[in-house]
């Protein structure tokens, strides 16, 4: 599985970064041709299920995900959310960890391993590079950079 690792610092407090990065509907707005459909009632918690639907017209694919870890940050304690990808096309997992920094701000660690079914493993480096680009851009936008 291609591994994607992104680390960003933000001036935002960890709690604010958490709110922005776990607003699943905003995620869809940051990825081209994608929208997010949340199928469980709020608030987000372990067991929340949502789908990122990407495509144009009839040519689409779904990336259904389930929240399996939900630990918001607390003073001096990192927050962590883990998503398991449950789809037919996209499988794997993603984690977003938000570490409060001593003075101000936070450091965000985005880790993801994904597999696109039907794609040969020889394309893993291309998938990883595309993922780092797309998710890095989405992360910057979600944090308000």
Protein backbone atom coordinates (compact mmCIF):
# COMPACT_ATOMS: atom_id res chain seq x y z
CA UNK A 1 0.00 0.00 0.00
CA UNK A 2 1.34 3.45 -0.80
CA UNK A 3 2.20 5.34 2.38
CA UNK A 4 1.45 9.04 2.60
CA UNK A 5 2.95 11.13 5.39
CA UNK A 6 2.44 14.88 5.74
CA UNK A 7 3.49 17.10 8.67
CA UNK A 8 2.39 20.72 8.92
CA UNK A 9 2.64 23.34 11.64
CA UNK A 10 -0.14 25.81 12.21
CA UNK A 11 -0.60 28.91 14.33
CA UNK A 12 -4.05 27.59 15.29
CA UNK A 13 -4.54 26.12 18.75
CA UNK A 14 -4.85 22.32 18.68
CA UNK A 15 -8.59 22.45 19.50
CA UNK A 16 -9.31 24.77 16.54
CA UNK A 17 -7.15 22.71 14.18
CA UNK A 18 -9.08 19.63 15.34
CA UNK A 19 -12.44 21.24 14.59
CA UNK A 20 -11.31 22.25 11.10
CA UNK A 21 -9.69 18.92 10.24
CA UNK A 22 -12.59 16.78 11.45
CA UNK A 23 -15.23 18.76 9.57
CA UNK A 24 -15.77 16.00 6.99
CA UNK A 25 -17.96 18.10 4.69
CA UNK A 26 -15.15 20.66 4.36
CA UNK A 27 -12.77 17.87 3.30
CA UNK A 28 -14.85 17.15 0.22
CA UNK A 29 -14.82 20.82 -0.74
CA UNK A 30 -10.99 20.78 -0.78
CA UNK A 31 -10.54 17.80 -3.12
CA UNK A 32 -11.39 18.39 -6.79
CA UNK A 33 -14.62 16.81 -8.01
CA UNK A 34 -15.41 15.43 -4.55
CA UNK A 35 -18.23 15.83 -2.09
CA UNK A 36 -18.72 14.28 1.33
CA UNK A 37 -21.89 12.47 2.34
CA UNK A 38 -22.29 11.82 6.08
CA UNK A 39 -24.60 8.90 6.81
CA UNK A 40 -24.66 8.91 10.62
CA UNK A 41 -26.15 11.63 12.81
CA UNK A 42 -23.84 14.14 14.54
CA UNK A 43 -21.74 14.52 16.53
CA UNK A 44 -18.76 12.66 15.07
CA UNK A 45 -17.64 9.75 17.24
CA UNK A 46 -16.36 6.18 16.91
CA UNK A 47 -18.74 4.55 14.44
CA UNK A 48 -19.43 7.67 12.37
CA UNK A 49 -19.61 6.74 8.69
CA UNK A 50 -19.19 9.06 5.73
CA UNK A 51 -18.35 8.74 2.05
CA UNK A 52 -16.15 10.86 -0.16
CA UNK A 53 -17.72 10.63 -3.64
CA UNK A 54 -15.39 11.67 -6.46
CA UNK A 55 -16.20 11.99 -10.13
CA UNK A 56 -18.20 13.67 -12.85
CA UNK A 57 -21.67 12.63 -13.95
CA UNK A 58 -21.99 8.85 -14.06
CA UNK A 59 -18.24 8.29 -13.74
CA UNK A 60 -17.76 8.29 -9.96
CA UNK A 61 -16.29 6.21 -7.22
CA UNK A 62 -17.02 6.17 -3.52
CA UNK A 63 -14.54 6.12 -0.65
CA UNK A 64 -16.64 5.10 2.39
CA UNK A 65 -14.89 5.59 5.73
CA UNK A 66 -15.63 4.78 9.35
CA UNK A 67 -14.22 6.59 12.37
CA UNK A 68 -12.52 3.91 14.49
CA UNK A 69 -10.58 6.18 16.88
CA UNK A 70 -11.90 9.52 18.11
CA UNK A 71 -9.74 11.24 20.70
CA UNK A 72 -9.96 15.06 20.59
CA UNK A 73 -6.91 16.97 21.87
CA UNK A 74 -6.81 18.12 25.47
CA UNK A 75 -4.38 20.59 27.05
CA UNK A 76 -0.93 19.13 26.42
CA UNK A 77 -2.38 15.89 24.96
CA UNK A 78 -2.46 15.16 21.21
CA UNK A 79 -5.72 14.42 19.44
CA UNK A 80 -6.10 11.46 17.10
CA UNK A 81 -8.76 10.38 14.65
CA UNK A 82 -8.42 7.18 12.63
CA UNK A 83 -10.52 6.36 9.59
CA UNK A 84 -10.82 2.90 8.09
CA UNK A 85 -11.60 2.93 4.37
CA UNK A 86 -14.37 0.43 3.72
CA UNK A 87 -14.90 0.71 -0.03
CA UNK A 88 -14.72 -1.59 -3.02
CA UNK A 89 -12.43 0.80 -4.91
CA UNK A 90 -10.40 2.45 -2.14
CA UNK A 91 -9.18 0.51 0.89
CA UNK A 92 -6.73 1.26 3.68
CA UNK A 93 -6.75 3.78 6.52
CA UNK A 94 -6.01 7.40 7.41
CA UNK A 95 -5.00 9.08 10.67
CA UNK A 96 -4.91 12.73 11.60
CA UNK A 97 -2.95 13.51 14.75
CA UNK A 98 -2.85 17.03 16.18
CA UNK A 99 -0.07 17.76 18.66
CA UNK A 100 -0.28 20.94 20.73
CA UNK A 101 2.94 22.96 20.66
CA UNK A 102 4.33 24.41 23.89
CA UNK A 103 4.02 28.11 23.11
CA UNK A 104 1.18 28.35 20.62
CA UNK A 105 -0.14 26.50 17.66
CA UNK A 106 -0.07 22.84 16.78
CA UNK A 107 1.66 20.30 14.59
CA UNK A 108 -0.51 18.12 12.36
CA UNK A 109 0.52 14.63 11.27
CA UNK A 110 -1.52 13.19 8.41
CA UNK A 111 -0.76 9.51 7.79
CA UNK A 112 -2.52 7.44 5.20
CA UNK A 113 -2.15 4.11 3.50
CA UNK A 114 -4.47 3.43 0.63
CA UNK A 115 -4.94 0.95 -2.14
CA UNK A 116 -6.86 1.56 -5.33
CA UNK A 117 -8.21 -1.82 -6.43
CA UNK A 118 -7.27 -2.79 -9.93
CA UNK A 119 -4.20 -0.57 -9.99
CA UNK A 120 -0.91 -2.44 -10.27
CA UNK A 121 1.55 -2.10 -7.39
CA UNK A 122 4.07 -0.64 -9.84
CA UNK A 123 1.96 2.55 -9.69
CA UNK A 124 2.20 2.83 -5.88
CA UNK A 125 4.83 5.62 -6.09
CA UNK A 126 2.57 7.63 -8.42
CA UNK A 127 -0.43 7.13 -6.11
CA UNK A 128 1.65 8.18 -3.09
CA UNK A 129 2.95 11.32 -4.85
CA UNK A 130 -0.55 12.29 -6.01
CA UNK A 131 -1.91 11.66 -2.50
CA UNK A 132 0.78 13.82 -0.88
CA UNK A 133 -0.01 16.62 -3.33
CA UNK A 134 -3.82 16.45 -3.01
CA UNK A 135 -3.96 15.82 0.74
CA UNK A 136 -1.21 18.38 1.43
CA UNK A 137 -3.17 21.01 -0.47
CA UNK A 138 -6.41 20.06 1.29
CA UNK A 139 -4.64 20.19 4.67
CA UNK A 140 -3.29 23.67 3.98
CA UNK A 141 -6.73 24.91 2.92
CA UNK A 142 -8.51 23.34 5.89
CA UNK A 143 -6.05 25.01 8.24
CA UNK A 144 -6.60 28.35 6.50
CA UNK A 145 -3.18 28.84 4.93
